[in-house]
Amino acid sequence: MADELTHLDDRGNARMVDVGEKQTTSRIAVAEAHVTLSPVIKARLFGGDLPKGDALGVARIAAIMATKQTSSLIPLCHPIPIDGVDVTIDETEHGARIEVTTRTSAKTGIEMEAMTAAAIGAVALYDMVKGIDRGAEVASVRLLHKSGGKSGEWNR
């Protein structure tokens, strides 16, 4: 299994991967998270009518901040430079969809930053509505796209 999982040594112990010999390349990752909301709260969210204020703005800022903190949150994640982060929040049939695109020029990927950002953006949005929608739910945090590096491009 250690041959397949780069975060494990020959004895199966967790380790941080050595990326020292890798080439610096431009890398992009896109992730999403969904927040399920009641129809009334969804309308209030996208109408800008929530008691706590600008929930969409708070969720966007939380996602950006999470991108920059990923290596502090995920134990074996390398700290990497963040070239850019784009966060969009769109209305869906059942609530909201948060999509995060992250970019870097680095020796390792930026997928964990995109996924962490989408997850934290969704949790921040949940925090903004939980007082009036106890049934709100964060779901389906997943990677949609990655490009750059030795493994090239991947799309869900």
C-alpha atoms as a PDB file:
ATOM      1  CA  MET A   1       0.000   0.000   0.000  1.00  0.00           C
ATOM      2  CA  ALA A   2       2.912   2.408   0.656  1.00  0.00           C
ATOM      3  CA  ASP A   3       3.693   2.213  -3.093  1.00  0.00           C
ATOM      4  CA  GLU A   4       0.229   3.587  -3.888  1.00  0.00           C
ATOM      5  CA  LEU A   5      -0.272   6.121  -1.082  1.00  0.00           C
ATOM      6  CA  THR A   6       2.492   8.705  -1.073  1.00  0.00           C
ATOM      7  CA  HIS A   7       1.693   9.858   2.457  1.00  0.00           C
ATOM      8  CA  LEU A   8       2.764   6.485   3.875  1.00  0.00           C
ATOM      9  CA  ASP A   9       6.318   5.248   4.372  1.00  0.00           C
ATOM     10  CA  ASP A  10       7.478   1.644   3.811  1.00  0.00           C
ATOM     11  CA  ARG A  11       6.060   0.606   7.211  1.00  0.00           C
ATOM     12  CA  GLY A  12       2.698   2.311   6.699  1.00  0.00           C
ATOM     13  CA  ASN A  13       3.429   5.324   8.894  1.00  0.00           C
ATOM     14  CA  ALA A  14       2.107   8.732   7.915  1.00  0.00           C
ATOM     15  CA  ARG A  15       4.703  11.117   6.485  1.00  0.00           C
ATOM     16  CA  MET A  16       4.856  14.402   4.665  1.00  0.00           C
ATOM     17  CA  VAL A  17       5.796  13.843   1.026  1.00  0.00           C
ATOM     18  CA  ASP A  18       9.147  15.313  -0.066  1.00  0.00           C
ATOM     19  CA  VAL A  19       8.414  17.611  -3.014  1.00  0.00           C
ATOM     20  CA  GLY A  20      11.925  19.078  -3.167  1.00  0.00           C
ATOM     21  CA  GLU A  21      12.798  17.504  -6.521  1.00  0.00           C
ATOM     22  CA  LYS A  22       9.480  18.312  -8.211  1.00  0.00           C
ATOM     23  CA  GLN A  23       9.171  21.071 -10.788  1.00  0.00           C
ATOM     24  CA  THR A  24       7.245  24.235  -9.994  1.00  0.00           C
ATOM     25  CA  THR A  25       4.202  24.378 -12.286  1.00  0.00           C
ATOM     26  CA  SER A  26       0.999  26.361 -12.558  1.00  0.00           C
ATOM     27  CA  ARG A  27      -1.784  24.463 -10.847  1.00  0.00           C
ATOM     28  CA  ILE A  28      -5.528  24.984 -10.614  1.00  0.00           C
ATOM     29  CA  ALA A  29      -8.170  23.199  -8.562  1.00  0.00           C
ATOM     30  CA  VAL A  30     -11.939  23.636  -8.446  1.00  0.00           C
ATOM     31  CA  ALA A  31     -14.131  22.290  -5.649  1.00  0.00           C
ATOM     32  CA  GLU A  32     -17.730  22.665  -4.594  1.00  0.00           C
ATOM     33  CA  ALA A  33     -19.952  22.297  -1.563  1.00  0.00           C
ATOM     34  CA  HIS A  34     -23.728  22.425  -1.264  1.00  0.00           C
ATOM     35  CA  VAL A  35     -25.897  23.857   1.493  1.00  0.00           C
ATOM     36  CA  THR A  36     -29.495  22.637   1.627  1.00  0.00           C
ATOM     37  CA  LEU A  37     -31.952  25.261   2.857  1.00  0.00           C
ATOM     38  CA  SER A  38     -35.679  25.576   3.350  1.00  0.00           C
ATOM     39  CA  PRO A  39     -37.370  27.399   0.440  1.00  0.00           C
ATOM     40  CA  VAL A  40     -38.198  30.406   2.640  1.00  0.00           C
ATOM     41  CA  ILE A  41     -34.632  30.782   3.943  1.00  0.00           C
ATOM     42  CA  LYS A  42     -33.178  30.245   0.470  1.00  0.00           C
ATOM     43  CA  ALA A  43     -35.314  33.144  -0.796  1.00  0.00           C
ATOM     44  CA  ARG A  44     -34.238  35.327   2.124  1.00  0.00           C
ATOM     45  CA  LEU A  45     -30.559  34.425   1.612  1.00  0.00           C
ATOM     46  CA  PHE A  46     -30.526  35.337  -2.064  1.00  0.00           C
ATOM     47  CA  GLY A  47     -32.789  38.325  -1.396  1.00  0.00           C
ATOM     48  CA  GLY A  48     -30.316  39.735   1.124  1.00  0.00           C
ATOM     49  CA  ASP A  49     -32.836  39.544   3.959  1.00  0.00           C
ATOM     50  CA  LEU A  50     -31.163  37.637   6.806  1.00  0.00           C
ATOM     51  CA  PRO A  51     -30.930  38.780  10.449  1.00  0.00           C
ATOM     52  CA  LYS A  52     -27.136  38.329  10.545  1.00  0.00           C
ATOM     53  CA  GLY A  53     -26.577  40.413   7.414  1.00  0.00           C
ATOM     54  CA  ASP A  54     -24.627  39.610   4.240  1.00  0.00           C
ATOM     55  CA  ALA A  55     -24.380  35.825   4.521  1.00  0.00           C
ATOM     56  CA  LEU A  56     -23.088  35.414   0.966  1.00  0.00           C
ATOM     57  CA  GLY A  57     -20.277  37.903   1.567  1.00  0.00           C
ATOM     58  CA  VAL A  58     -19.337  36.246   4.855  1.00  0.00           C
ATOM     59  CA  ALA A  59     -19.231  32.802   3.202  1.00  0.00           C
ATOM     60  CA  ARG A  60     -17.015  34.122   0.363  1.00  0.00           C
ATOM     61  CA  ILE A  61     -14.555  35.711   2.795  1.00  0.00           C
ATOM     62  CA  ALA A  62     -14.536  32.570   4.976  1.00  0.00           C
ATOM     63  CA  ALA A  63     -13.683  30.463   1.917  1.00  0.00           C
ATOM     64  CA  ILE A  64     -10.820  32.775   0.955  1.00  0.00           C
ATOM     65  CA  MET A  65      -9.469  32.763   4.511  1.00  0.00           C
ATOM     66  CA  ALA A  66      -9.718  28.954   4.654  1.00  0.00           C
ATOM     67  CA  THR A  67      -7.665  28.673   1.473  1.00  0.00           C
ATOM     68  CA  LYS A  68      -4.813  30.479   3.186  1.00  0.00           C
ATOM     69  CA  GLN A  69      -5.044  28.328   6.345  1.00  0.00           C
ATOM     70  CA  THR A  70      -5.242  24.871   4.762  1.00  0.00           C
ATOM     71  CA  SER A  71      -1.734  23.716   5.682  1.00  0.00           C
ATOM     72  CA  SER A  72      -2.486  24.599   9.318  1.00  0.00           C
ATOM     73  CA  LEU A  73      -5.650  22.480   9.268  1.00  0.00           C
ATOM     74  CA  ILE A  74      -4.665  19.413   7.214  1.00  0.00           C
ATOM     75  CA  PRO A  75      -1.722  17.685   8.950  1.00  0.00           C
ATOM     76  CA  LEU A  76       0.296  16.502   5.927  1.00  0.00           C
ATOM     77  CA  CYS A  77      -0.526  19.407   3.606  1.00  0.00           C
ATOM     78  CA  HIS A  78       2.381  21.577   2.430  1.00  0.00           C
ATOM     79  CA  PRO A  79       2.149  25.342   2.855  1.00  0.00           C
ATOM     80  CA  ILE A  80       2.070  26.727  -0.681  1.00  0.00           C
ATOM     81  CA  PRO A  81       1.769  30.184  -2.206  1.00  0.00           C
ATOM     82  CA  ILE A  82      -1.757  31.141  -3.199  1.00  0.00           C
ATOM     83  CA  ASP A  83      -1.826  33.006  -6.514  1.00  0.00           C
ATOM     84  CA  GLY A  84      -5.586  33.452  -6.585  1.00  0.00           C
ATOM     85  CA  VAL A  85      -8.938  32.349  -5.209  1.00  0.00           C
ATOM     86  CA  ASP A  86     -12.341  32.835  -6.811  1.00  0.00           C
ATOM     87  CA  VAL A  87     -15.505  32.023  -4.875  1.00  0.00           C
ATOM     88  CA  THR A  88     -18.972  31.947  -6.381  1.00  0.00           C
ATOM     89  CA  ILE A  89     -22.198  31.128  -4.597  1.00  0.00           C
ATOM     90  CA  ASP A  90     -25.160  30.249  -6.754  1.00  0.00           C
ATOM     91  CA  GLU A  91     -28.760  29.489  -5.940  1.00  0.00           C
ATOM     92  CA  THR A  92     -29.784  25.884  -6.553  1.00  0.00           C
ATOM     93  CA  GLU A  93     -33.119  24.091  -6.445  1.00  0.00           C
ATOM     94  CA  HIS A  94     -32.505  23.068  -2.823  1.00  0.00           C
ATOM     95  CA  GLY A  95     -30.293  25.863  -1.494  1.00  0.00           C
ATOM     96  CA  ALA A  96     -26.851  27.137  -2.433  1.00  0.00           C
ATOM     97  CA  ARG A  97     -23.779  25.845  -4.262  1.00  0.00           C
ATOM     98  CA  ILE A  98     -20.370  27.224  -3.341  1.00  0.00           C
ATOM     99  CA  GLU A  99     -17.669  26.818  -5.981  1.00  0.00           C
ATOM    100  CA  VAL A 100     -14.047  27.683  -5.281  1.00  0.00           C
ATOM    101  CA  THR A 101     -11.249  27.940  -7.843  1.00  0.00           C
ATOM    102  CA  THR A 102      -7.720  28.105  -6.442  1.00  0.00           C
ATOM    103  CA  ARG A 103      -4.496  28.814  -8.322  1.00  0.00           C
ATOM    104  CA  THR A 104      -0.818  28.452  -7.465  1.00  0.00           C
ATOM    105  CA  SER A 105       2.629  28.100  -8.988  1.00  0.00           C
ATOM    106  CA  ALA A 106       4.146  25.433  -6.768  1.00  0.00           C
ATOM    107  CA  LYS A 107       5.740  21.992  -6.508  1.00  0.00           C
ATOM    108  CA  THR A 108       2.558  20.360  -5.212  1.00  0.00           C
ATOM    109  CA  GLY A 109      -1.156  20.612  -5.883  1.00  0.00           C
ATOM    110  CA  ILE A 110      -3.757  22.997  -4.579  1.00  0.00           C
ATOM    111  CA  GLU A 111      -6.701  20.593  -4.377  1.00  0.00           C
ATOM    112  CA  MET A 112      -6.816  20.533  -0.594  1.00  0.00           C
ATOM    113  CA  GLU A 113      -7.010  24.329  -0.522  1.00  0.00           C
ATOM    114  CA  ALA A 114      -9.977  24.321  -2.911  1.00  0.00           C
ATOM    115  CA  MET A 115     -11.810  21.616  -0.962  1.00  0.00           C
ATOM    116  CA  THR A 116     -11.096  23.234   2.426  1.00  0.00           C
ATOM    117  CA  ALA A 117     -12.309  26.574   1.100  1.00  0.00           C
ATOM    118  CA  ALA A 118     -15.553  25.104  -0.260  1.00  0.00           C
ATOM    119  CA  ALA A 119     -16.195  23.252   3.005  1.00  0.00           C
ATOM    120  CA  ILE A 120     -15.515  26.256   5.242  1.00  0.00           C
ATOM    121  CA  GLY A 121     -17.521  28.565   2.980  1.00  0.00           C
ATOM    122  CA  ALA A 122     -20.450  26.166   3.333  1.00  0.00           C
ATOM    123  CA  VAL A 123     -20.057  25.925   7.118  1.00  0.00           C
ATOM    124  CA  ALA A 124     -19.895  29.736   7.365  1.00  0.00           C
ATOM    125  CA  LEU A 125     -23.079  29.989   5.312  1.00  0.00           C
ATOM    126  CA  TYR A 126     -24.696  27.427   7.625  1.00  0.00           C
ATOM    127  CA  ASP A 127     -23.629  29.551  10.604  1.00  0.00           C
ATOM    128  CA  MET A 128     -25.323  32.579   9.073  1.00  0.00           C
ATOM    129  CA  VAL A 129     -28.689  30.798   8.717  1.00  0.00           C
ATOM    130  CA  LYS A 130     -28.749  28.251  11.555  1.00  0.00           C
ATOM    131  CA  GLY A 131     -30.707  30.514  13.881  1.00  0.00           C
ATOM    132  CA  ILE A 132     -33.663  30.602  11.488  1.00  0.00           C
ATOM    133  CA  ASP A 133     -33.214  27.299   9.602  1.00  0.00           C
ATOM    134  CA  ARG A 134     -32.281  24.452  11.960  1.00  0.00           C
ATOM    135  CA  GLY A 135     -32.714  22.002   9.088  1.00  0.00           C
ATOM    136  CA  ALA A 136     -29.965  23.554   6.941  1.00  0.00           C
ATOM    137  CA  GLU A 137     -27.410  20.980   5.887  1.00  0.00           C
ATOM    138  CA  VAL A 138     -23.887  21.038   4.432  1.00  0.00           C
ATOM    139  CA  ALA A 139     -23.357  18.278   1.874  1.00  0.00           C
ATOM    140  CA  SER A 140     -21.305  17.032  -1.036  1.00  0.00           C
ATOM    141  CA  VAL A 141     -17.916  18.678  -0.647  1.00  0.00           C
ATOM    142  CA  ARG A 142     -15.944  17.435  -3.636  1.00  0.00           C
ATOM    143  CA  LEU A 143     -13.184  18.165  -6.111  1.00  0.00           C
ATOM    144  CA  LEU A 144     -14.401  18.987  -9.620  1.00  0.00           C
ATOM    145  CA  HIS A 145     -11.163  19.726 -11.486  1.00  0.00           C
ATOM    146  CA  LYS A 146      -7.404  19.820 -11.078  1.00  0.00           C
ATOM    147  CA  SER A 147      -4.669  20.653 -13.532  1.00  0.00           C
ATOM    148  CA  GLY A 148      -0.916  21.115 -13.508  1.00  0.00           C
ATOM    149  CA  GLY A 149       1.918  18.992 -12.230  1.00  0.00           C
ATOM    150  CA  LYS A 150       3.060  15.550 -13.303  1.00  0.00           C
ATOM    151  CA  SER A 151      -0.407  13.957 -13.198  1.00  0.00           C
ATOM    152  CA  GLY A 152      -1.876  16.556 -15.575  1.00  0.00           C
ATOM    153  CA  GLU A 153      -5.565  17.318 -15.800  1.00  0.00           C
ATOM    154  CA  TRP A 154      -8.417  15.561 -14.019  1.00  0.00           C
ATOM    155  CA  ASN A 155     -12.132  16.331 -14.237  1.00  0.00           C
ATOM    156  CA  ARG A 156     -15.039  14.838 -12.330  1.00  0.00           C
END
